[in-house]
Amino acid sequence: QAQVVESGGDLVQPGGSLRLACTVSGLSFEDLTMAWFRQAPGKERERISCLSRDNKSSYCMRGRFTISRDNANKTLYLQMNSLQPEDTAMYYCAADVSPLRVSAGTPAYWGQGTQVTVSS
């Protein structure tokens, strides 16, 4: 059974940093295009960044956060620096074998989310 699990969300002060992690099980991680999304209260979900199986993200708008993947450990990361209150949201990891579906915002597999709160 496929499972996507995020971790690393926390309360952080403005200007601080966090690194989110996403582990995948039940799927062939190296074949997946991975992505991070976020959704703030009262706002639509937005894609932050994505990374294809060959570490390309040219088809996916780059954000100001750094996405990376460790295929050996089946883990996706999102390094977030200089966090601001407007970055407060639930952050979701998503995966699909199709880069097009990820690009369209409709990947097949989603995690439950991890909460990031930026506040003094």
C-alpha atoms as a PDB file:
ATOM      1  CA  GLN A   1       0.000   0.000   0.000  1.00  0.00           C
ATOM      2  CA  ALA A   2       1.394   3.366  -1.014  1.00  0.00           C
ATOM      3  CA  GLN A   3       2.088   5.781   1.795  1.00  0.00           C
ATOM      4  CA  VAL A   4       3.418   9.327   1.798  1.00  0.00           C
ATOM      5  CA  VAL A   5       4.326  10.838   5.160  1.00  0.00           C
ATOM      6  CA  GLU A   6       5.552  14.361   5.861  1.00  0.00           C
ATOM      7  CA  SER A   7       7.449  15.527   8.915  1.00  0.00           C
ATOM      8  CA  GLY A   8       9.361  18.551  10.166  1.00  0.00           C
ATOM      9  CA  GLY A   9       6.628  21.148  10.518  1.00  0.00           C
ATOM     10  CA  ASP A  10       6.900  23.401  13.541  1.00  0.00           C
ATOM     11  CA  LEU A  11       6.398  26.866  15.001  1.00  0.00           C
ATOM     12  CA  VAL A  12       9.268  29.123  13.982  1.00  0.00           C
ATOM     13  CA  GLN A  13      10.016  32.807  14.312  1.00  0.00           C
ATOM     14  CA  PRO A  14      10.170  35.096  11.278  1.00  0.00           C
ATOM     15  CA  GLY A  15      13.532  34.775   9.590  1.00  0.00           C
ATOM     16  CA  GLY A  16      13.951  31.234  10.830  1.00  0.00           C
ATOM     17  CA  SER A  17      14.473  28.005   8.919  1.00  0.00           C
ATOM     18  CA  LEU A  18      12.891  24.589   8.730  1.00  0.00           C
ATOM     19  CA  ARG A  19      13.566  21.455   6.757  1.00  0.00           C
ATOM     20  CA  LEU A  20      10.595  19.333   5.875  1.00  0.00           C
ATOM     21  CA  ALA A  21      10.952  15.675   4.983  1.00  0.00           C
ATOM     22  CA  CYS A  22       8.685  13.320   3.086  1.00  0.00           C
ATOM     23  CA  THR A  23       9.117   9.574   3.119  1.00  0.00           C
ATOM     24  CA  VAL A  24       7.490   7.255   0.625  1.00  0.00           C
ATOM     25  CA  SER A  25       6.704   3.576   0.991  1.00  0.00           C
ATOM     26  CA  GLY A  26       4.922   1.091  -1.196  1.00  0.00           C
ATOM     27  CA  LEU A  27       6.044   2.852  -4.379  1.00  0.00           C
ATOM     28  CA  SER A  28       9.148   2.857  -6.513  1.00  0.00           C
ATOM     29  CA  PHE A  29      10.521   6.176  -5.275  1.00  0.00           C
ATOM     30  CA  GLU A  30      13.133   6.547  -7.996  1.00  0.00           C
ATOM     31  CA  ASP A  31      10.381   6.484 -10.644  1.00  0.00           C
ATOM     32  CA  LEU A  32       8.350   9.251  -9.037  1.00  0.00           C
ATOM     33  CA  THR A  33       8.137  12.933  -9.723  1.00  0.00           C
ATOM     34  CA  MET A  34       7.805  14.541  -6.308  1.00  0.00           C
ATOM     35  CA  ALA A  35       6.391  17.866  -5.250  1.00  0.00           C
ATOM     36  CA  TRP A  36       5.614  20.072  -2.301  1.00  0.00           C
ATOM     37  CA  PHE A  37       2.345  21.964  -2.038  1.00  0.00           C
ATOM     38  CA  ARG A  38       0.955  24.177   0.672  1.00  0.00           C
ATOM     39  CA  GLN A  39      -2.413  25.506   1.698  1.00  0.00           C
ATOM     40  CA  ALA A  40      -2.983  28.416   4.028  1.00  0.00           C
ATOM     41  CA  PRO A  41      -6.307  28.952   5.808  1.00  0.00           C
ATOM     42  CA  GLY A  42      -8.843  30.457   3.454  1.00  0.00           C
ATOM     43  CA  LYS A  43      -6.575  30.130   0.454  1.00  0.00           C
ATOM     44  CA  GLU A  44      -6.254  27.725  -2.418  1.00  0.00           C
ATOM     45  CA  ARG A  45      -3.604  25.079  -2.440  1.00  0.00           C
ATOM     46  CA  GLU A  46      -0.476  26.111  -4.304  1.00  0.00           C
ATOM     47  CA  ARG A  47       2.480  24.156  -5.612  1.00  0.00           C
ATOM     48  CA  ILE A  48       5.797  25.210  -4.141  1.00  0.00           C
ATOM     49  CA  SER A  49       8.278  23.150  -6.055  1.00  0.00           C
ATOM     50  CA  CYS A  50       8.724  19.800  -7.699  1.00  0.00           C
ATOM     51  CA  LEU A  51      11.485  17.493  -8.747  1.00  0.00           C
ATOM     52  CA  SER A  52      11.432  14.836 -11.419  1.00  0.00           C
ATOM     53  CA  ARG A  53      13.011  11.424 -11.196  1.00  0.00           C
ATOM     54  CA  ASP A  54      16.063  12.803 -12.950  1.00  0.00           C
ATOM     55  CA  ASN A  55      16.266  15.816 -10.635  1.00  0.00           C
ATOM     56  CA  LYS A  56      14.818  18.287 -13.085  1.00  0.00           C
ATOM     57  CA  SER A  57      12.277  20.927 -12.184  1.00  0.00           C
ATOM     58  CA  SER A  58      12.257  23.043 -15.308  1.00  0.00           C
ATOM     59  CA  TYR A  59       8.591  22.271 -15.991  1.00  0.00           C
ATOM     60  CA  CYS A  60       7.651  23.315 -12.489  1.00  0.00           C
ATOM     61  CA  MET A  61       7.943  26.851 -11.229  1.00  0.00           C
ATOM     62  CA  ARG A  62      10.825  27.203  -8.852  1.00  0.00           C
ATOM     63  CA  GLY A  63      10.060  28.706  -5.532  1.00  0.00           C
ATOM     64  CA  ARG A  64      12.393  30.349  -3.081  1.00  0.00           C
ATOM     65  CA  PHE A  65      12.722  27.141  -1.101  1.00  0.00           C
ATOM     66  CA  THR A  66      15.148  24.359  -2.000  1.00  0.00           C
ATOM     67  CA  ILE A  67      13.811  20.949  -2.920  1.00  0.00           C
ATOM     68  CA  SER A  68      15.992  17.852  -2.962  1.00  0.00           C
ATOM     69  CA  ARG A  69      15.618  14.117  -2.939  1.00  0.00           C
ATOM     70  CA  ASP A  70      17.478  11.110  -1.579  1.00  0.00           C
ATOM     71  CA  ASN A  71      16.509   8.119  -3.671  1.00  0.00           C
ATOM     72  CA  ALA A  72      18.438   5.680  -1.497  1.00  0.00           C
ATOM     73  CA  ASN A  73      16.341   6.630   1.529  1.00  0.00           C
ATOM     74  CA  LYS A  74      13.146   7.313  -0.424  1.00  0.00           C
ATOM     75  CA  THR A  75      12.932  10.783   1.034  1.00  0.00           C
ATOM     76  CA  LEU A  76      12.105  14.196  -0.350  1.00  0.00           C
ATOM     77  CA  TYR A  77      13.202  17.363   1.421  1.00  0.00           C
ATOM     78  CA  LEU A  78      12.211  21.008   1.421  1.00  0.00           C
ATOM     79  CA  GLN A  79      14.687  23.429   2.919  1.00  0.00           C
ATOM     80  CA  MET A  80      12.957  26.647   3.894  1.00  0.00           C
ATOM     81  CA  ASN A  81      14.992  29.664   4.911  1.00  0.00           C
ATOM     82  CA  SER A  82      14.031  33.228   5.795  1.00  0.00           C
ATOM     83  CA  LEU A  83      10.527  32.152   6.674  1.00  0.00           C
ATOM     84  CA  GLN A  84       7.863  34.817   6.956  1.00  0.00           C
ATOM     85  CA  PRO A  85       4.382  34.838   8.491  1.00  0.00           C
ATOM     86  CA  GLU A  86       2.869  34.487   5.023  1.00  0.00           C
ATOM     87  CA  ASP A  87       4.574  31.098   4.760  1.00  0.00           C
ATOM     88  CA  THR A  88       2.275  29.785   7.471  1.00  0.00           C
ATOM     89  CA  ALA A  89       0.356  26.873   5.977  1.00  0.00           C
ATOM     90  CA  MET A  90      -0.152  23.156   5.921  1.00  0.00           C
ATOM     91  CA  TYR A  91       2.560  21.686   3.734  1.00  0.00           C
ATOM     92  CA  TYR A  92       1.857  18.608   1.671  1.00  0.00           C
ATOM     93  CA  CYS A  93       4.098  16.193  -0.152  1.00  0.00           C
ATOM     94  CA  ALA A  94       2.776  14.617  -3.335  1.00  0.00           C
ATOM     95  CA  ALA A  95       3.988  12.068  -5.844  1.00  0.00           C
ATOM     96  CA  ASP A  96       3.191  10.612  -9.234  1.00  0.00           C
ATOM     97  CA  VAL A  97       4.974   8.713 -11.968  1.00  0.00           C
ATOM     98  CA  SER A  98       3.649  11.336 -14.387  1.00  0.00           C
ATOM     99  CA  PRO A  99       5.432  14.717 -14.367  1.00  0.00           C
ATOM    100  CA  LEU A 100       2.462  16.128 -16.261  1.00  0.00           C
ATOM    101  CA  ARG A 101       0.032  15.272 -13.490  1.00  0.00           C
ATOM    102  CA  VAL A 102       2.353  16.829 -10.946  1.00  0.00           C
ATOM    103  CA  SER A 103       2.687  19.920 -13.101  1.00  0.00           C
ATOM    104  CA  ALA A 104      -1.098  20.071 -13.396  1.00  0.00           C
ATOM    105  CA  GLY A 105      -1.484  19.877  -9.634  1.00  0.00           C
ATOM    106  CA  THR A 106      -3.179  16.485  -9.693  1.00  0.00           C
ATOM    107  CA  PRO A 107      -0.632  13.922  -8.513  1.00  0.00           C
ATOM    108  CA  ALA A 108      -2.012  10.576  -7.468  1.00  0.00           C
ATOM    109  CA  TYR A 109      -0.424  10.257  -4.048  1.00  0.00           C
ATOM    110  CA  TRP A 110      -0.631  12.731  -1.172  1.00  0.00           C
ATOM    111  CA  GLY A 111       0.526  12.875   2.395  1.00  0.00           C
ATOM    112  CA  GLN A 112      -1.556  14.103   5.317  1.00  0.00           C
ATOM    113  CA  GLY A 113       0.426  17.299   5.667  1.00  0.00           C
ATOM    114  CA  THR A 114       2.682  18.923   8.237  1.00  0.00           C
ATOM    115  CA  GLN A 115       1.893  22.308   9.796  1.00  0.00           C
ATOM    116  CA  VAL A 116       4.324  25.194   9.482  1.00  0.00           C
ATOM    117  CA  THR A 117       3.587  28.272  11.563  1.00  0.00           C
ATOM    118  CA  VAL A 118       5.738  31.377  11.342  1.00  0.00           C
ATOM    119  CA  SER A 119       5.067  33.759  14.169  1.00  0.00           C
ATOM    120  CA  SER A 120       6.857  35.807  16.776  1.00  0.00           C
END
